[in-house]
Protein backbone atom coordinates (compact mmCIF):
# COMPACT_ATOMS: atom_id res chain seq x y z
CA MET A 1 79.83 92.50 48.54
CA ASN A 2 78.46 93.19 52.03
CA VAL A 3 81.27 93.86 54.49
CA LEU A 4 81.17 93.47 58.25
CA VAL A 5 83.24 96.27 59.79
CA VAL A 6 84.57 95.59 63.28
CA ASN A 7 85.99 98.64 65.05
CA ALA A 8 87.10 97.71 68.56
CA GLY A 9 87.94 100.69 70.76
CA SER A 10 89.66 100.75 74.11
CA SER A 11 86.36 99.97 75.86
CA SER A 12 83.68 99.89 73.17
CA LEU A 13 82.80 97.93 70.04
CA LYS A 14 81.37 99.47 66.86
CA LEU A 15 79.82 97.06 64.37
CA ARG A 16 78.45 97.84 60.93
CA VAL A 17 77.46 96.01 57.78
CA LEU A 18 78.07 98.12 54.69
CA GLY A 19 76.52 97.33 51.32
CA GLU A 20 78.29 97.75 48.00
CA ASP A 21 77.44 101.47 47.81
CA ASP A 22 78.50 101.95 51.46
CA THR A 23 74.92 102.07 52.65
CA VAL A 24 74.73 101.12 56.33
CA LEU A 25 72.62 97.97 56.32
CA ALA A 26 72.98 97.28 60.05
CA GLU A 27 74.88 98.82 62.94
CA GLU A 28 75.44 98.49 66.67
CA HIS A 29 77.56 100.44 69.13
CA VAL A 30 78.36 98.49 72.27
CA GLU A 31 79.44 101.12 74.81
CA ARG A 32 80.98 98.67 77.24
CA TRP A 33 82.62 95.54 75.88
CA SER A 34 84.98 93.41 77.93
CA GLY A 35 86.86 92.01 74.93
CA GLY A 36 88.76 88.82 75.61
CA ASP A 37 86.74 85.75 74.72
CA GLU A 38 83.37 87.52 74.80
CA THR A 39 81.53 86.90 71.53
CA GLY A 40 78.02 87.73 72.76
CA PRO A 41 77.64 91.24 71.28
CA LEU A 42 78.96 90.20 67.88
CA GLU A 43 76.88 87.00 67.85
CA GLU A 44 73.72 88.95 68.71
CA PHE A 45 74.47 91.55 66.04
CA LEU A 46 75.08 88.96 63.34
CA SER A 47 71.84 87.14 64.16
CA GLY A 48 69.83 90.11 62.91
CA ALA A 49 72.19 91.49 60.27
CA PRO A 50 72.29 90.76 56.52
CA SER A 51 74.72 88.10 55.34
CA VAL A 52 78.27 89.25 54.75
CA GLN A 53 80.94 88.14 52.31
CA ALA A 54 83.97 89.54 54.15
CA ALA A 55 84.96 91.21 57.42
CA GLY A 56 87.30 94.16 57.89
CA HIS A 57 88.92 94.96 61.22
CA ARG A 58 90.47 98.25 62.37
CA VAL A 59 93.91 97.65 63.86
CA VAL A 60 95.73 100.64 65.31
CA HIS A 61 99.37 99.60 64.91
CA GLY A 62 100.86 97.77 61.95
CA GLY A 63 104.51 98.37 62.85
CA PRO A 64 107.11 97.84 60.13
CA ALA A 65 105.56 94.55 58.97
CA PHE A 66 102.11 95.70 57.82
CA SER A 67 102.04 98.56 55.33
CA SER A 68 98.66 97.78 53.74
CA ALA A 69 95.46 95.87 54.39
CA THR A 70 96.31 92.22 55.03
CA ALA A 71 94.33 88.96 54.99
CA ILE A 72 94.22 87.53 58.51
CA ASP A 73 95.64 84.12 59.25
CA ASP A 74 97.37 82.73 62.35
CA ASP A 75 100.73 84.27 61.41
CA VAL A 76 99.21 87.71 60.82
CA ARG A 77 97.36 87.49 64.11
CA ALA A 78 100.62 86.70 65.88
CA GLY A 79 102.28 89.66 64.17
CA ILE A 80 99.52 91.98 65.37
CA GLU A 81 99.80 90.64 68.91
CA ALA A 82 103.57 91.19 68.92
CA LEU A 83 102.93 94.92 68.45
CA THR A 84 100.84 95.21 71.64
CA PRO A 85 103.55 97.07 73.61
CA LEU A 86 103.36 99.91 71.04
CA ALA A 87 99.57 100.35 71.40
CA PRO A 88 98.64 98.71 74.70
CA LEU A 89 95.19 100.29 74.91
CA HIS A 90 94.02 99.28 71.44
CA GLN A 91 95.88 96.26 70.10
CA PRO A 92 94.39 93.69 72.52
CA ARG A 93 90.88 94.93 71.76
CA ALA A 94 91.41 94.60 68.02
CA LEU A 95 92.64 91.05 68.58
CA ALA A 96 89.54 90.28 70.66
CA GLY A 97 87.36 91.45 67.77
CA ILE A 98 89.35 89.42 65.27
CA ASP A 99 89.18 86.29 67.40
CA ALA A 100 85.43 86.66 67.96
CA ALA A 101 84.72 87.09 64.24
CA ARG A 102 86.95 84.18 63.27
CA ARG A 103 85.19 81.90 65.76
CA LEU A 104 81.70 82.95 64.71
CA LEU A 105 82.37 83.18 60.97
CA PRO A 106 84.84 80.41 60.11
CA GLY A 107 85.90 80.43 56.49
CA LEU A 108 84.89 84.05 55.93
CA PRO A 109 87.65 86.23 54.44
CA GLN A 110 88.85 88.54 57.20
CA VAL A 111 91.09 91.56 56.63
CA ALA A 112 93.15 93.68 59.02
CA CYS A 113 93.14 97.39 58.08
CA PHE A 114 95.88 99.34 59.82
CA ASP A 115 95.77 102.95 61.02
CA THR A 116 99.51 103.22 60.43
CA ALA A 117 99.40 102.05 56.80
CA PHE A 118 98.23 105.39 55.36
CA HIS A 119 101.36 107.07 56.71
CA THR A 120 103.87 104.71 55.10
CA THR A 121 104.13 107.19 52.21
CA MET A 122 105.75 109.82 54.44
CA PRO A 123 109.29 110.74 53.39
CA ALA A 124 112.27 109.72 55.52
CA ALA A 125 112.73 113.31 56.67
CA ALA A 126 109.31 113.13 58.35
CA THR A 127 109.62 109.63 59.82
CA THR A 128 113.19 109.51 61.11
CA TYR A 129 114.02 110.25 64.74
CA ALA A 130 117.32 111.95 65.50
CA VAL A 131 118.47 109.22 67.87
CA PRO A 132 121.45 106.85 67.55
CA ALA A 133 121.31 104.78 64.36
CA ALA A 134 121.91 101.58 66.33
CA TRP A 135 118.70 102.21 68.25
CA ARG A 136 116.72 102.86 65.08
CA ARG A 137 117.95 99.67 63.44
CA LYS A 138 117.50 97.41 66.46
CA TRP A 139 113.98 98.49 67.40
CA ASP A 140 112.57 99.84 64.11
CA LEU A 141 112.24 103.30 65.63
CA ARG A 142 110.38 105.73 63.38
CA ARG A 143 107.32 107.93 63.30
CA TYR A 144 104.48 105.61 62.29
CA GLY A 145 101.49 107.92 62.68
CA PHE A 146 97.93 106.87 63.49
CA HIS A 147 94.27 107.62 62.69
CA GLY A 148 95.26 106.80 59.12
CA LEU A 149 91.89 105.28 58.20
CA SER A 150 90.12 108.47 59.32
CA HIS A 151 92.66 110.80 57.70
CA ALA A 152 92.53 108.88 54.41
CA TYR A 153 88.75 109.15 54.17
CA ALA A 154 88.39 112.71 55.48
CA SER A 155 91.14 114.17 53.28
CA ARG A 156 89.82 112.46 50.15
CA ARG A 157 86.20 113.41 50.89
CA ALA A 158 87.04 117.04 51.68
CA ALA A 159 89.20 117.48 48.58
CA GLY A 160 86.42 115.99 46.47
CA LEU A 161 83.79 118.29 47.96
CA ALA A 162 86.04 121.28 47.41
CA GLY A 163 86.72 120.27 43.81
CA ARG A 164 90.47 120.64 44.38
CA THR A 165 92.36 118.09 42.27
CA GLY A 166 95.74 117.25 43.78
CA ALA A 167 94.87 119.29 46.85
CA ARG A 168 97.17 120.02 49.77
CA VAL A 169 95.01 119.03 52.74
CA VAL A 170 95.50 119.24 56.49
CA SER A 171 93.20 116.73 58.16
CA CYS A 172 92.29 117.31 61.83
CA HIS A 173 91.01 114.18 63.57
CA LEU A 174 89.83 115.53 66.91
CA GLY A 175 88.26 113.12 69.36
CA SER A 176 89.43 111.68 72.66
CA GLY A 177 92.52 110.83 70.65
CA ALA A 178 93.66 113.58 68.30
CA SER A 179 96.12 113.96 65.44
CA LEU A 180 96.77 115.93 62.29
CA ALA A 181 97.91 114.72 58.88
CA ALA A 182 99.42 116.60 55.97
CA VAL A 183 98.09 115.03 52.77
CA ALA A 184 99.32 115.92 49.28
CA ASN A 185 97.41 114.50 46.32
CA GLY A 186 95.95 111.77 48.52
CA ARG A 187 99.25 110.72 50.11
CA SER A 188 100.33 111.33 53.70
CA VAL A 189 103.52 113.39 53.91
CA ASP A 190 103.53 114.24 57.62
CA THR A 191 101.57 113.68 60.83
CA THR A 192 101.66 114.61 64.50
CA MET A 193 101.59 111.20 66.18
CA GLY A 194 104.79 109.20 66.26
CA PHE A 195 106.17 105.82 67.32
CA THR A 196 103.10 105.43 69.55
CA PRO A 197 99.68 107.19 69.72
CA LEU A 198 100.92 109.17 72.73
CA ALA A 199 102.72 111.85 70.70
CA GLY A 200 101.52 115.07 69.12
CA LEU A 201 98.48 117.13 70.11
CA VAL A 202 96.98 117.48 73.56
CA MET A 203 94.27 114.80 73.87
CA ALA A 204 91.52 113.91 76.35
CA THR A 205 93.77 112.02 78.76
CA ARG A 206 97.01 111.71 76.79
CA SER A 207 99.75 114.31 77.07
CA GLY A 208 100.85 114.65 73.48
CA ASP A 209 104.40 115.91 72.98
CA VAL A 210 106.46 116.33 76.15
CA ASP A 211 110.13 117.22 76.52
CA PRO A 212 111.90 113.83 76.86
CA GLY A 213 114.31 115.47 79.27
CA LEU A 214 111.39 116.20 81.58
CA LEU A 215 110.46 112.51 81.61
CA LEU A 216 114.04 111.49 82.33
CA TRP A 217 114.13 114.01 85.17
CA LEU A 218 110.90 112.65 86.66
CA HIS A 219 112.21 109.09 86.48
CA ARG A 220 115.46 110.04 88.19
CA ALA A 221 113.44 111.93 90.79
CA GLY A 222 111.79 108.67 91.75
CA LEU A 223 108.74 108.26 89.50
CA ALA A 224 108.53 104.63 88.36
CA LEU A 225 108.15 103.80 84.68
CA ASP A 226 104.72 102.28 85.26
CA ASP A 227 103.61 105.47 87.00
CA LEU A 228 104.97 107.57 84.14
CA GLU A 229 103.05 105.50 81.62
CA GLU A 230 99.85 105.63 83.65
CA GLY A 231 100.11 109.37 84.09
CA LEU A 232 100.90 110.15 80.46
CA GLU A 233 98.20 107.85 79.06
CA HIS A 234 95.32 108.32 81.50
CA HIS A 235 95.79 111.44 83.64
CA SER A 236 97.32 114.02 81.30
CA GLY A 237 95.94 116.05 78.40
CA LEU A 238 92.70 117.94 79.03
CA ALA A 239 92.07 115.81 82.12
CA GLY A 240 95.39 116.71 83.68
CA LEU A 241 95.12 120.38 82.81
CA SER A 242 91.52 120.93 83.88
CA GLY A 243 90.88 118.39 86.62
CA THR A 244 87.90 117.00 84.69
CA GLY A 245 87.63 113.60 83.03
CA GLY A 246 89.04 115.06 79.83
CA ASP A 247 85.85 115.32 77.75
CA LEU A 248 86.09 118.60 75.85
CA ARG A 249 82.40 119.33 76.52
CA ASP A 250 82.93 119.07 80.28
CA VAL A 251 86.04 121.24 80.10
CA ARG A 252 84.17 123.89 78.12
CA GLU A 253 81.30 123.86 80.64
CA ALA A 254 83.72 124.26 83.55
CA ALA A 255 85.47 127.12 81.75
CA GLY A 256 82.12 128.80 81.21
CA ASN A 257 81.56 128.64 84.96
CA GLY A 258 84.81 130.47 85.58
CA ASP A 259 87.12 127.54 86.36
CA GLU A 260 90.59 128.94 85.65
CA ASP A 261 92.18 125.51 85.17
CA ALA A 262 89.57 124.67 82.53
CA VAL A 263 90.14 128.02 80.80
CA LEU A 264 93.88 127.31 80.65
CA ALA A 265 93.22 123.77 79.38
CA LEU A 266 91.28 125.13 76.42
CA ARG A 267 93.97 127.68 75.66
CA VAL A 268 96.71 125.06 75.71
CA TYR A 269 94.62 122.71 73.55
CA VAL A 270 93.94 125.36 70.89
CA HIS A 271 97.50 126.70 71.00
CA ARG A 272 98.92 123.26 70.22
CA LEU A 273 96.27 122.65 67.56
CA ARG A 274 97.03 125.90 65.72
CA GLN A 275 100.76 125.21 66.01
CA GLY A 276 100.28 121.73 64.55
CA ILE A 277 98.17 122.94 61.61
CA ALA A 278 100.81 125.52 60.74
CA ALA A 279 103.52 122.87 60.92
CA MET A 280 101.56 120.50 58.66
CA THR A 281 101.04 123.37 56.21
CA ALA A 282 104.80 123.95 56.14
CA SER A 283 105.33 120.27 55.30
CA LEU A 284 102.92 120.68 52.37
CA GLY A 285 104.37 123.96 51.14
CA GLY A 286 100.94 125.57 51.33
CA LEU A 287 97.32 124.76 52.12
CA ASP A 288 94.26 124.31 49.90
CA VAL A 289 91.82 122.47 52.18
CA LEU A 290 91.48 122.21 55.96
CA VAL A 291 89.14 119.50 57.23
CA PHE A 292 87.79 118.86 60.72
CA THR A 293 86.57 115.37 61.61
CA GLY A 294 86.05 113.23 64.71
CA GLY A 295 83.71 113.95 67.63
CA ALA A 296 85.09 117.36 68.63
CA GLY A 297 86.07 118.32 65.10
CA GLU A 298 82.55 117.71 63.81
CA HIS A 299 80.47 119.04 66.71
CA ASP A 300 82.40 121.82 68.47
CA ALA A 301 81.85 125.02 66.49
CA VAL A 302 83.66 127.12 69.10
CA LEU A 303 86.76 124.95 68.77
CA ARG A 304 86.78 125.41 64.99
CA ALA A 305 86.30 129.17 65.32
CA ASP A 306 89.02 129.55 67.96
CA THR A 307 91.43 127.49 65.89
CA ALA A 308 90.78 129.39 62.68
CA ALA A 309 91.03 132.75 64.46
CA GLY A 310 94.76 132.25 64.89
CA LEU A 311 95.38 131.00 61.35
CA ALA A 312 94.19 133.86 59.17
CA PHE A 313 97.77 134.28 57.92
CA LEU A 314 97.39 130.93 56.13
CA GLY A 315 94.38 132.22 54.19
CA ILE A 316 91.73 130.67 56.45
CA ASP A 317 88.55 132.75 56.78
CA LEU A 318 85.63 131.07 58.54
CA ASP A 319 82.02 132.03 57.93
CA THR A 320 80.40 132.46 61.35
CA GLY A 321 76.94 131.42 60.21
CA ARG A 322 78.09 128.36 58.30
CA ASN A 323 80.30 127.27 61.16
CA ALA A 324 77.44 127.49 63.67
CA GLU A 325 74.97 125.48 61.55
CA VAL A 326 77.17 123.25 59.43
CA PRO A 327 75.40 120.26 57.82
CA ALA A 328 77.07 116.88 57.46
CA ASP A 329 80.09 117.20 55.16
CA GLY A 330 79.59 120.94 54.86
CA ARG A 331 81.72 123.98 54.14
CA VAL A 332 82.40 126.43 56.98
CA SER A 333 84.69 128.94 55.22
CA ARG A 334 83.64 132.04 53.32
CA ASP A 335 83.39 131.88 49.54
CA THR A 336 86.34 134.28 49.38
CA SER A 337 88.55 132.22 51.71
CA ALA A 338 91.80 131.12 50.07
CA VAL A 339 91.56 127.87 52.04
CA ASP A 340 88.43 125.74 51.74
CA VAL A 341 87.47 124.63 55.26
CA ARG A 342 85.22 121.57 55.57
CA VAL A 343 83.61 119.51 58.33
CA VAL A 344 83.46 115.84 57.34
CA GLU A 345 81.77 113.02 59.21
CA ALA A 346 84.29 110.45 60.40
CA ARG A 347 83.73 107.31 58.33
CA GLU A 348 86.53 104.89 59.09
CA ASP A 349 84.03 102.16 58.26
CA VAL A 350 83.89 103.27 54.62
CA GLU A 351 87.68 103.17 54.35
CA ILE A 352 87.85 99.75 56.02
CA ALA A 353 85.16 98.34 53.75
CA ALA A 354 86.89 99.70 50.64
CA GLN A 355 90.25 98.22 51.60
CA THR A 356 88.61 94.91 52.48
CA ARG A 357 86.73 94.68 49.18
CA ALA A 358 89.84 95.57 47.19
CA LEU A 359 91.96 92.89 48.87
CA VAL A 360 89.32 90.16 48.74
CA THR A 361 88.49 90.89 45.10
CA THR A 362 92.17 90.87 44.11
CA THR A 363 92.73 87.60 45.97
CA ASP A 364 89.70 85.97 44.31
CA ARG A 365 90.92 87.01 40.86
CA GLY A 366 94.38 85.71 41.64
């Protein structure tokens, strides 16, 4: 079964056709895609791609209604759209990809694969906010977690490479968005993101965790809610700390040139990352495998070294040479390290294709 994987980002569109053995048969990365009713990029891609038997779509937020991959119909589409306020940057783009594929490929089985679904196995102690029960019941308030498709693949791949059956894994998805997941025997037990993708680690332009009292104070001081949202989503994180656009490479370059704000930005970023890894380890009761994935996780050797340097007490011992020249899906820890540290290529497409095939095959048999 060839699967079309549609991964719509906040401004880009990633398209792939994966064969049965997850070979990439065709791919296209559209850097700037307007979304909406625009079908041109997908239509052009399909004209030169192999035929497909199903399509899988990445959807960031599944809310309380969608806890696993789901066949898309009009009701499911409406349910996804209703969750837009919880992921305003991503949900509309996913819908644009779904609508384009449904128009161009009528009758083709189409599946929504949710980033939140992987985290539905977290225990109540990890998902429940200590806010009034009436609020929780009325608005389904809980920690949902995100990047689940990436964490599912990376944690499984790293544990397999390490040969650790039933491993306790901390997965670090570090890109413009960033989160950690604590994974025990393939199941998510904790994560850093929460009700929305704004929580947790410092990100490129997103703040991560902030004292809610600070936000209340700012609002009472005269900052409008729209301005708070804009600032927290687009002008915080590395961008807000350093004065750059938030790309970790630019921040590192500025720090190398002596920019004190950029130096502080890197220190804050690494401090929060180390803190989060230690917290995830506590949720697991120990650590067997640490895996870095995502753009920064895969390509920034200095970030990995700086992070590991503060975590030796967990049994993490990086090999300097391996870390500097790590191959795809390679090991960067010493042979004597108690924790196996891996760098794994982000392959959300593989996870989406697997979930799509499983659902379509089960439906056909039914």
